[in-house]
C-alpha cells in the first residue's frame, strides 16, 4: 500500500511539473500577463503587449483549477493562463 501511495505521489508531481519547451513564433494580439510560475498566486513578472512575439509551449500545465502554458519572449520567460491572445506567425528566415 505504501508503494502505491508513493507511486501516485510521484505521478502527481510529474504531471504538475510537465510542460514542453516553448516553440514557434506567436504574435500577441491583446495584453497578456506573464506569471513567474505556473500557480494562480505567482506574481506577474511582465505584461505582453499587442505586437510582441514569443515562443509558446504546446501543452497545458494544470495546477488546482487553473491551467498554464510556458512562454518565452524577448522580455523574459514565464507562464500564461491563456493562449487565445496569440496567433501563430510565420518563422523568420535565417539572417544571411
N, C-alpha and C. Protein backbone atom coordinates (compact mmCIF):
# COMPACT_ATOMS: atom_id res chain seq x y z
N UNK A 1 0.82 -1.19 0.00
CA UNK A 1 0.00 0.00 0.00
C UNK A 1 0.87 1.26 0.00
N UNK A 2 1.97 1.23 0.77
CA UNK A 2 2.86 2.39 0.81
C UNK A 2 3.48 2.65 -0.55
N UNK A 3 3.82 1.59 -1.28
CA UNK A 3 4.42 1.78 -2.60
C UNK A 3 3.42 2.38 -3.59
N UNK A 4 2.16 2.03 -3.46
CA UNK A 4 1.12 2.60 -4.31
C UNK A 4 0.97 4.09 -4.04
N UNK A 5 0.95 4.46 -2.77
CA UNK A 5 0.84 5.88 -2.41
C UNK A 5 2.06 6.64 -2.92
N UNK A 6 3.25 6.06 -2.76
CA UNK A 6 4.47 6.71 -3.24
C UNK A 6 4.44 6.88 -4.76
N UNK A 7 4.00 5.86 -5.47
CA UNK A 7 3.92 5.93 -6.93
C UNK A 7 2.92 7.00 -7.37
N UNK A 8 1.78 7.08 -6.71
CA UNK A 8 0.79 8.10 -7.06
C UNK A 8 1.32 9.51 -6.77
N UNK A 9 2.06 9.65 -5.69
CA UNK A 9 2.65 10.96 -5.37
C UNK A 9 3.65 11.38 -6.43
N UNK A 10 4.47 10.45 -6.89
CA UNK A 10 5.45 10.76 -7.94
C UNK A 10 4.75 11.14 -9.24
N UNK A 11 3.71 10.42 -9.59
CA UNK A 11 2.95 10.73 -10.81
C UNK A 11 2.33 12.11 -10.70
N UNK A 12 1.77 12.45 -9.55
CA UNK A 12 1.16 13.76 -9.36
C UNK A 12 2.19 14.87 -9.51
N UNK A 13 3.37 14.69 -8.97
CA UNK A 13 4.43 15.69 -9.10
C UNK A 13 4.85 15.84 -10.55
N UNK A 14 5.01 14.73 -11.24
CA UNK A 14 5.40 14.79 -12.64
C UNK A 14 4.35 15.45 -13.50
N UNK A 15 3.10 15.16 -13.28
CA UNK A 15 2.03 15.78 -14.06
C UNK A 15 1.95 17.27 -13.79
N UNK A 16 2.15 17.66 -12.55
CA UNK A 16 2.11 19.09 -12.21
C UNK A 16 3.28 19.85 -12.80
N UNK A 17 4.41 19.21 -12.98
CA UNK A 17 5.60 19.87 -13.48
C UNK A 17 5.76 19.74 -14.98
N UNK A 18 4.95 18.93 -15.64
CA UNK A 18 5.11 18.67 -17.06
C UNK A 18 4.73 19.88 -17.90
N UNK A 19 5.55 20.18 -18.82
CA UNK A 19 5.25 21.15 -19.85
C UNK A 19 6.38 21.09 -20.86
N UNK A 20 6.05 21.30 -22.09
CA UNK A 20 7.07 21.24 -23.11
C UNK A 20 7.74 22.60 -23.27
N UNK A 21 8.86 22.60 -23.90
CA UNK A 21 9.59 23.85 -24.14
C UNK A 21 8.83 24.69 -25.15
N UNK A 22 8.80 26.00 -24.96
CA UNK A 22 8.12 26.89 -25.91
C UNK A 22 8.78 26.82 -27.29
N UNK A 23 7.94 26.80 -28.32
CA UNK A 23 8.43 26.73 -29.70
C UNK A 23 7.59 27.64 -30.58
N UNK A 24 8.05 27.81 -31.80
CA UNK A 24 7.30 28.58 -32.79
C UNK A 24 7.43 30.08 -32.59
N UNK A 25 6.74 30.79 -33.42
CA UNK A 25 6.72 32.25 -33.36
C UNK A 25 5.26 32.67 -33.30
N UNK A 26 4.87 33.25 -32.17
CA UNK A 26 3.49 33.63 -31.93
C UNK A 26 3.42 35.13 -31.67
N UNK A 27 2.45 35.79 -32.30
CA UNK A 27 2.27 37.23 -32.10
C UNK A 27 1.16 37.46 -31.09
N UNK A 28 1.40 38.38 -30.18
CA UNK A 28 0.41 38.75 -29.16
C UNK A 28 -0.57 39.73 -29.80
N UNK A 29 -1.89 39.50 -29.61
CA UNK A 29 -2.90 40.37 -30.20
C UNK A 29 -3.68 41.18 -29.17
N UNK A 30 -3.44 40.90 -27.89
CA UNK A 30 -4.08 41.65 -26.81
C UNK A 30 -3.17 41.53 -25.58
N UNK A 31 -3.26 42.46 -24.63
CA UNK A 31 -2.40 42.38 -23.45
C UNK A 31 -2.55 41.05 -22.71
N UNK A 32 -1.40 40.49 -22.29
CA UNK A 32 -1.36 39.21 -21.59
C UNK A 32 -0.40 39.33 -20.42
N UNK A 33 -0.84 38.95 -19.23
CA UNK A 33 0.05 38.93 -18.07
C UNK A 33 0.85 37.64 -18.07
N UNK A 34 2.14 37.75 -17.75
CA UNK A 34 3.03 36.60 -17.68
C UNK A 34 3.42 36.40 -16.21
N UNK A 35 3.18 35.19 -15.71
CA UNK A 35 3.42 34.87 -14.31
C UNK A 35 4.79 34.22 -14.13
N UNK A 36 5.34 34.36 -12.93
CA UNK A 36 6.66 33.81 -12.61
C UNK A 36 6.63 32.29 -12.57
N UNK A 37 5.49 31.71 -12.23
CA UNK A 37 5.39 30.27 -12.09
C UNK A 37 4.00 29.83 -12.55
N UNK A 38 3.80 28.54 -12.67
CA UNK A 38 2.50 28.01 -13.08
C UNK A 38 1.62 27.80 -11.86
N UNK A 39 1.30 28.89 -11.20
CA UNK A 39 0.47 28.86 -9.99
C UNK A 39 -0.37 30.14 -9.95
N UNK A 40 -1.61 30.03 -9.50
CA UNK A 40 -2.51 31.18 -9.51
C UNK A 40 -2.09 32.27 -8.52
N UNK A 41 -1.20 31.99 -7.59
CA UNK A 41 -0.73 33.01 -6.65
C UNK A 41 0.66 33.54 -7.03
N UNK A 42 1.21 33.09 -8.14
CA UNK A 42 2.53 33.56 -8.59
C UNK A 42 2.43 35.02 -9.01
N UNK A 43 3.48 35.79 -8.77
CA UNK A 43 3.45 37.20 -9.18
C UNK A 43 3.54 37.36 -10.69
N UNK A 44 2.97 38.44 -11.19
CA UNK A 44 3.10 38.80 -12.60
C UNK A 44 4.49 39.41 -12.77
N UNK A 45 5.28 38.88 -13.69
CA UNK A 45 6.64 39.37 -13.88
C UNK A 45 6.74 40.41 -15.00
N UNK A 46 5.85 40.33 -15.97
CA UNK A 46 5.77 41.35 -17.01
C UNK A 46 4.48 41.16 -17.78
N UNK A 47 4.16 42.14 -18.61
CA UNK A 47 2.94 42.07 -19.41
C UNK A 47 3.32 42.19 -20.88
N UNK A 48 2.76 41.28 -21.68
CA UNK A 48 2.94 41.33 -23.12
C UNK A 48 1.94 42.29 -23.72
N UNK A 49 2.36 42.97 -24.77
CA UNK A 49 1.50 43.93 -25.46
C UNK A 49 1.28 43.48 -26.89
N UNK A 50 0.18 43.93 -27.52
CA UNK A 50 -0.05 43.57 -28.92
C UNK A 50 1.17 43.93 -29.77
N UNK A 51 1.55 42.99 -30.64
CA UNK A 51 2.71 43.19 -31.48
C UNK A 51 3.96 42.48 -30.98
N UNK A 52 3.99 42.09 -29.70
CA UNK A 52 5.12 41.32 -29.17
C UNK A 52 5.10 39.93 -29.79
N UNK A 53 6.28 39.32 -29.89
CA UNK A 53 6.41 37.96 -30.40
C UNK A 53 7.02 37.07 -29.33
N UNK A 54 6.54 35.83 -29.27
CA UNK A 54 7.02 34.87 -28.27
C UNK A 54 7.02 33.47 -28.86
N UNK A 55 7.70 32.59 -28.16
CA UNK A 55 7.57 31.15 -28.39
C UNK A 55 6.60 30.65 -27.33
N UNK A 56 5.74 29.71 -27.69
CA UNK A 56 4.67 29.25 -26.80
C UNK A 56 4.70 27.74 -26.68
N UNK A 57 4.56 27.24 -25.47
CA UNK A 57 4.50 25.79 -25.26
C UNK A 57 3.22 25.21 -25.83
N UNK A 58 3.27 23.92 -26.17
CA UNK A 58 2.09 23.25 -26.72
C UNK A 58 1.18 22.69 -25.63
N UNK A 59 1.76 22.23 -24.54
CA UNK A 59 1.00 21.53 -23.51
C UNK A 59 0.60 22.45 -22.37
N UNK A 60 -0.53 22.17 -21.79
CA UNK A 60 -1.00 22.88 -20.61
C UNK A 60 -0.46 22.21 -19.36
N UNK A 61 -0.13 23.00 -18.37
CA UNK A 61 0.26 22.51 -17.05
C UNK A 61 -0.90 22.87 -16.12
N UNK A 62 -1.48 21.88 -15.49
CA UNK A 62 -2.65 22.11 -14.64
C UNK A 62 -2.24 22.20 -13.18
N UNK A 63 -2.69 23.26 -12.51
CA UNK A 63 -2.46 23.48 -11.09
C UNK A 63 -3.79 23.86 -10.46
N UNK A 64 -4.22 23.08 -9.51
CA UNK A 64 -5.51 23.31 -8.85
C UNK A 64 -6.60 23.33 -9.93
N UNK A 65 -7.30 24.45 -10.09
CA UNK A 65 -8.34 24.54 -11.12
C UNK A 65 -7.89 25.39 -12.31
N UNK A 66 -6.61 25.80 -12.31
CA UNK A 66 -6.09 26.67 -13.36
C UNK A 66 -5.16 25.90 -14.29
N UNK A 67 -4.96 26.45 -15.47
CA UNK A 67 -4.02 25.86 -16.42
C UNK A 67 -3.09 26.95 -16.94
N UNK A 68 -1.88 26.54 -17.27
CA UNK A 68 -0.86 27.49 -17.71
C UNK A 68 -0.03 26.89 -18.84
N UNK A 69 0.51 27.76 -19.69
CA UNK A 69 1.45 27.37 -20.73
C UNK A 69 2.73 28.17 -20.55
N UNK A 70 3.84 27.51 -20.86
CA UNK A 70 5.12 28.21 -20.81
C UNK A 70 5.23 29.14 -21.99
N UNK A 71 5.91 30.26 -21.77
CA UNK A 71 6.12 31.25 -22.82
C UNK A 71 7.55 31.78 -22.70
N UNK A 72 8.15 32.03 -23.84
CA UNK A 72 9.50 32.60 -23.89
C UNK A 72 9.47 33.76 -24.87
N UNK A 73 9.79 34.95 -24.35
CA UNK A 73 9.70 36.17 -25.15
C UNK A 73 10.98 36.98 -24.98
N UNK A 74 11.11 38.04 -25.76
CA UNK A 74 12.27 38.92 -25.62
C UNK A 74 12.29 39.56 -24.22
N UNK A 75 11.11 39.78 -23.64
CA UNK A 75 11.01 40.39 -22.31
C UNK A 75 11.38 39.42 -21.19
N UNK A 76 11.34 38.13 -21.47
CA UNK A 76 11.66 37.13 -20.46
C UNK A 76 10.86 35.86 -20.67
N UNK A 77 10.91 35.00 -19.67
CA UNK A 77 10.19 33.72 -19.71
C UNK A 77 9.22 33.65 -18.54
N UNK A 78 8.18 32.85 -18.71
CA UNK A 78 7.21 32.68 -17.64
C UNK A 78 6.07 31.79 -18.08
N UNK A 79 4.92 32.05 -17.49
CA UNK A 79 3.73 31.22 -17.72
C UNK A 79 2.53 32.12 -18.00
N UNK A 80 1.69 31.72 -18.96
CA UNK A 80 0.47 32.46 -19.27
C UNK A 80 -0.73 31.55 -19.01
N UNK A 81 -1.85 32.15 -18.69
CA UNK A 81 -3.06 31.37 -18.39
C UNK A 81 -4.01 31.29 -19.57
N UNK A 82 -3.63 31.90 -20.69
CA UNK A 82 -4.46 31.85 -21.89
C UNK A 82 -3.57 31.78 -23.11
N UNK A 83 -4.05 31.13 -24.15
CA UNK A 83 -3.34 31.18 -25.42
C UNK A 83 -4.21 31.78 -26.51
N UNK A 84 -5.39 32.27 -26.13
CA UNK A 84 -6.31 32.84 -27.11
C UNK A 84 -5.87 34.24 -27.56
N UNK A 85 -4.90 34.82 -26.88
CA UNK A 85 -4.41 36.16 -27.25
C UNK A 85 -3.15 36.08 -28.11
N UNK A 86 -2.86 34.88 -28.66
CA UNK A 86 -1.70 34.66 -29.51
C UNK A 86 -2.16 34.12 -30.86
N UNK A 87 -1.54 34.57 -31.94
CA UNK A 87 -1.77 34.00 -33.26
C UNK A 87 -0.42 33.55 -33.81
N UNK A 88 -0.42 32.39 -34.46
CA UNK A 88 0.83 31.88 -34.98
C UNK A 88 1.29 32.74 -36.14
N UNK A 89 2.56 33.03 -36.15
CA UNK A 89 3.16 33.88 -37.16
C UNK A 89 4.21 33.06 -37.90
N UNK A 90 4.42 33.34 -39.17
CA UNK A 90 5.46 32.59 -39.91
C UNK A 90 6.83 32.79 -39.27
N UNK A 91 7.63 31.73 -39.32
CA UNK A 91 9.01 31.84 -38.82
C UNK A 91 9.77 32.82 -39.68
N UNK A 92 10.68 33.55 -39.08
CA UNK A 92 11.54 34.46 -39.83
C UNK A 92 12.60 33.66 -40.55
N UNK A 93 12.95 34.09 -41.77
CA UNK A 93 14.04 33.38 -42.46
C UNK A 93 15.35 33.64 -41.74
N UNK A 94 16.29 32.71 -41.82
CA UNK A 94 17.58 32.92 -41.15
C UNK A 94 18.29 34.14 -41.75
N UNK A 95 19.03 34.86 -40.90
CA UNK A 95 19.76 36.04 -41.37
C UNK A 95 20.94 35.58 -42.19
N UNK A 96 21.22 36.33 -43.27
CA UNK A 96 22.32 35.99 -44.17
C UNK A 96 23.51 36.86 -43.88
